[in-house]
Amino acid sequence: MPERKAIRYLVVTAAMITLLLFATTLGSVFHHHASSTDTNCSICHLTHQPITPQVATCASVVAAVAMLAEAQEPEFVSSPVAPRFPARAPPSA
């Protein structure tokens, strides 16, 4: 039984790779532009584009956007000690 599972995984993997290659080829065949002078198309010029590293052209600057008001003190103060109220008697019927 494990042998059949391994064969099934190989067949499914091969089918997925074939589908990917078929879809990629079909997408390249039907790829066209409205104007014939498109020189920046990444699909058309994929094979002969040089690999260039992305260089940051601007320096990051930290600027103050707005002044925030200081945080206010809460109106209640939490205490780890529970208040000591006297025990109540059960209600009379």
C-alpha atoms as a PDB file:
ATOM      1  CA  MET A   1       0.000   0.000   0.000  1.00  0.00           C
ATOM      2  CA  PRO A   2       2.762   2.576   0.764  1.00  0.00           C
ATOM      3  CA  GLU A   3       4.190   1.962  -2.712  1.00  0.00           C
ATOM      4  CA  ARG A   4       0.896   3.040  -4.333  1.00  0.00           C
ATOM      5  CA  LYS A   5       0.902   6.221  -2.240  1.00  0.00           C
ATOM      6  CA  ALA A   6       4.415   7.104  -3.356  1.00  0.00           C
ATOM      7  CA  ILE A   7       3.490   6.544  -7.008  1.00  0.00           C
ATOM      8  CA  ARG A   8       0.384   8.692  -6.572  1.00  0.00           C
ATOM      9  CA  TYR A   9       2.470  11.539  -5.084  1.00  0.00           C
ATOM     10  CA  LEU A  10       4.901  11.351  -8.005  1.00  0.00           C
ATOM     11  CA  VAL A  11       2.089  11.381 -10.566  1.00  0.00           C
ATOM     12  CA  VAL A  12       0.362  14.345  -8.908  1.00  0.00           C
ATOM     13  CA  THR A  13       3.648  16.261  -8.684  1.00  0.00           C
ATOM     14  CA  ALA A  14       4.446  15.584 -12.351  1.00  0.00           C
ATOM     15  CA  ALA A  15       0.925  16.664 -13.348  1.00  0.00           C
ATOM     16  CA  MET A  16       1.232  19.933 -11.402  1.00  0.00           C
ATOM     17  CA  ILE A  17       4.612  20.728 -12.970  1.00  0.00           C
ATOM     18  CA  THR A  18       3.224  19.953 -16.440  1.00  0.00           C
ATOM     19  CA  LEU A  19       0.230  22.207 -15.795  1.00  0.00           C
ATOM     20  CA  LEU A  20       2.517  25.020 -14.631  1.00  0.00           C
ATOM     21  CA  LEU A  21       4.713  24.761 -17.727  1.00  0.00           C
ATOM     22  CA  PHE A  22       1.668  24.583 -20.011  1.00  0.00           C
ATOM     23  CA  ALA A  23       0.055  27.658 -18.427  1.00  0.00           C
ATOM     24  CA  THR A  24       3.307  29.622 -18.573  1.00  0.00           C
ATOM     25  CA  THR A  25       3.838  28.783 -22.229  1.00  0.00           C
ATOM     26  CA  LEU A  26       0.233  29.584 -23.077  1.00  0.00           C
ATOM     27  CA  GLY A  27       0.500  32.917 -21.262  1.00  0.00           C
ATOM     28  CA  SER A  28       3.611  33.818 -23.245  1.00  0.00           C
ATOM     29  CA  VAL A  29       1.959  32.906 -26.556  1.00  0.00           C
ATOM     30  CA  PHE A  30      -1.086  35.113 -25.976  1.00  0.00           C
ATOM     31  CA  HIS A  31       0.893  38.030 -24.481  1.00  0.00           C
ATOM     32  CA  HIS A  32       0.603  41.173 -26.611  1.00  0.00           C
ATOM     33  CA  HIS A  33       0.551  44.955 -26.267  1.00  0.00           C
ATOM     34  CA  ALA A  34      -1.752  47.620 -27.646  1.00  0.00           C
ATOM     35  CA  SER A  35       1.284  49.576 -28.796  1.00  0.00           C
ATOM     36  CA  SER A  36       4.305  47.915 -30.335  1.00  0.00           C
ATOM     37  CA  THR A  37       6.786  50.295 -28.673  1.00  0.00           C
ATOM     38  CA  ASP A  38       6.528  49.013 -25.106  1.00  0.00           C
ATOM     39  CA  THR A  39      10.160  48.800 -23.969  1.00  0.00           C
ATOM     40  CA  ASN A  40       9.471  48.299 -20.237  1.00  0.00           C
ATOM     41  CA  CYS A  41       7.509  45.048 -20.389  1.00  0.00           C
ATOM     42  CA  SER A  42       9.013  42.595 -17.907  1.00  0.00           C
ATOM     43  CA  ILE A  43       7.583  39.593 -19.773  1.00  0.00           C
ATOM     44  CA  CYS A  44       8.896  40.569 -23.211  1.00  0.00           C
ATOM     45  CA  HIS A  45      12.358  41.494 -21.946  1.00  0.00           C
ATOM     46  CA  LEU A  46      12.727  38.785 -19.321  1.00  0.00           C
ATOM     47  CA  THR A  47      15.573  36.906 -21.016  1.00  0.00           C
ATOM     48  CA  HIS A  48      17.880  39.844 -21.616  1.00  0.00           C
ATOM     49  CA  GLN A  49      17.400  42.060 -18.592  1.00  0.00           C
ATOM     50  CA  PRO A  50      20.533  42.551 -16.511  1.00  0.00           C
ATOM     51  CA  ILE A  51      20.332  41.710 -12.846  1.00  0.00           C
ATOM     52  CA  THR A  52      20.798  44.960 -10.979  1.00  0.00           C
ATOM     53  CA  PRO A  53      20.664  45.339  -7.227  1.00  0.00           C
ATOM     54  CA  GLN A  54      18.039  47.693  -5.868  1.00  0.00           C
ATOM     55  CA  VAL A  55      19.859  50.711  -4.461  1.00  0.00           C
ATOM     56  CA  ALA A  56      18.044  53.091  -2.171  1.00  0.00           C
ATOM     57  CA  THR A  57      18.087  56.542  -3.739  1.00  0.00           C
ATOM     58  CA  CYS A  58      16.734  58.464  -0.767  1.00  0.00           C
ATOM     59  CA  ALA A  59      17.770  58.688   2.828  1.00  0.00           C
ATOM     60  CA  SER A  60      15.197  58.069   5.490  1.00  0.00           C
ATOM     61  CA  VAL A  61      14.409  61.097   7.613  1.00  0.00           C
ATOM     62  CA  VAL A  62      12.457  61.034  10.824  1.00  0.00           C
ATOM     63  CA  ALA A  63      10.131  64.019  11.073  1.00  0.00           C
ATOM     64  CA  ALA A  64       7.719  64.994  13.809  1.00  0.00           C
ATOM     65  CA  VAL A  65       4.197  64.774  12.421  1.00  0.00           C
ATOM     66  CA  ALA A  66       2.131  65.987  15.360  1.00  0.00           C
ATOM     67  CA  MET A  67       2.489  66.721  19.021  1.00  0.00           C
ATOM     68  CA  LEU A  68       0.591  64.281  21.201  1.00  0.00           C
ATOM     69  CA  ALA A  69      -0.974  65.253  24.505  1.00  0.00           C
ATOM     70  CA  GLU A  70       0.410  63.650  27.607  1.00  0.00           C
ATOM     71  CA  ALA A  71      -1.392  60.624  28.948  1.00  0.00           C
ATOM     72  CA  GLN A  72      -3.874  61.501  31.658  1.00  0.00           C
ATOM     73  CA  GLU A  73      -4.053  59.762  34.989  1.00  0.00           C
ATOM     74  CA  PRO A  74      -6.923  57.275  35.246  1.00  0.00           C
ATOM     75  CA  GLU A  75      -9.943  58.331  37.278  1.00  0.00           C
ATOM     76  CA  PHE A  76      -9.812  55.176  39.358  1.00  0.00           C
ATOM     77  CA  VAL A  77      -6.927  53.609  41.207  1.00  0.00           C
ATOM     78  CA  SER A  78      -6.720  49.863  41.250  1.00  0.00           C
ATOM     79  CA  SER A  79      -5.704  48.235  44.466  1.00  0.00           C
ATOM     80  CA  PRO A  80      -4.560  44.678  45.088  1.00  0.00           C
ATOM     81  CA  VAL A  81      -6.519  44.685  48.366  1.00  0.00           C
ATOM     82  CA  ALA A  82     -10.274  44.146  48.075  1.00  0.00           C
ATOM     83  CA  PRO A  83     -12.429  46.598  50.017  1.00  0.00           C
ATOM     84  CA  ARG A  84     -13.643  45.215  53.315  1.00  0.00           C
ATOM     85  CA  PHE A  85     -17.414  45.481  53.374  1.00  0.00           C
ATOM     86  CA  PRO A  86     -19.303  43.811  56.187  1.00  0.00           C
ATOM     87  CA  ALA A  87     -21.045  40.588  55.290  1.00  0.00           C
ATOM     88  CA  ARG A  88     -24.740  40.913  54.570  1.00  0.00           C
ATOM     89  CA  ALA A  89     -27.428  38.775  56.063  1.00  0.00           C
ATOM     90  CA  PRO A  90     -29.573  36.734  53.682  1.00  0.00           C
ATOM     91  CA  PRO A  91     -32.736  38.478  52.574  1.00  0.00           C
ATOM     92  CA  SER A  92     -35.758  37.780  54.737  1.00  0.00           C
ATOM     93  CA  ALA A  93     -38.760  36.289  53.081  1.00  0.00           C
END
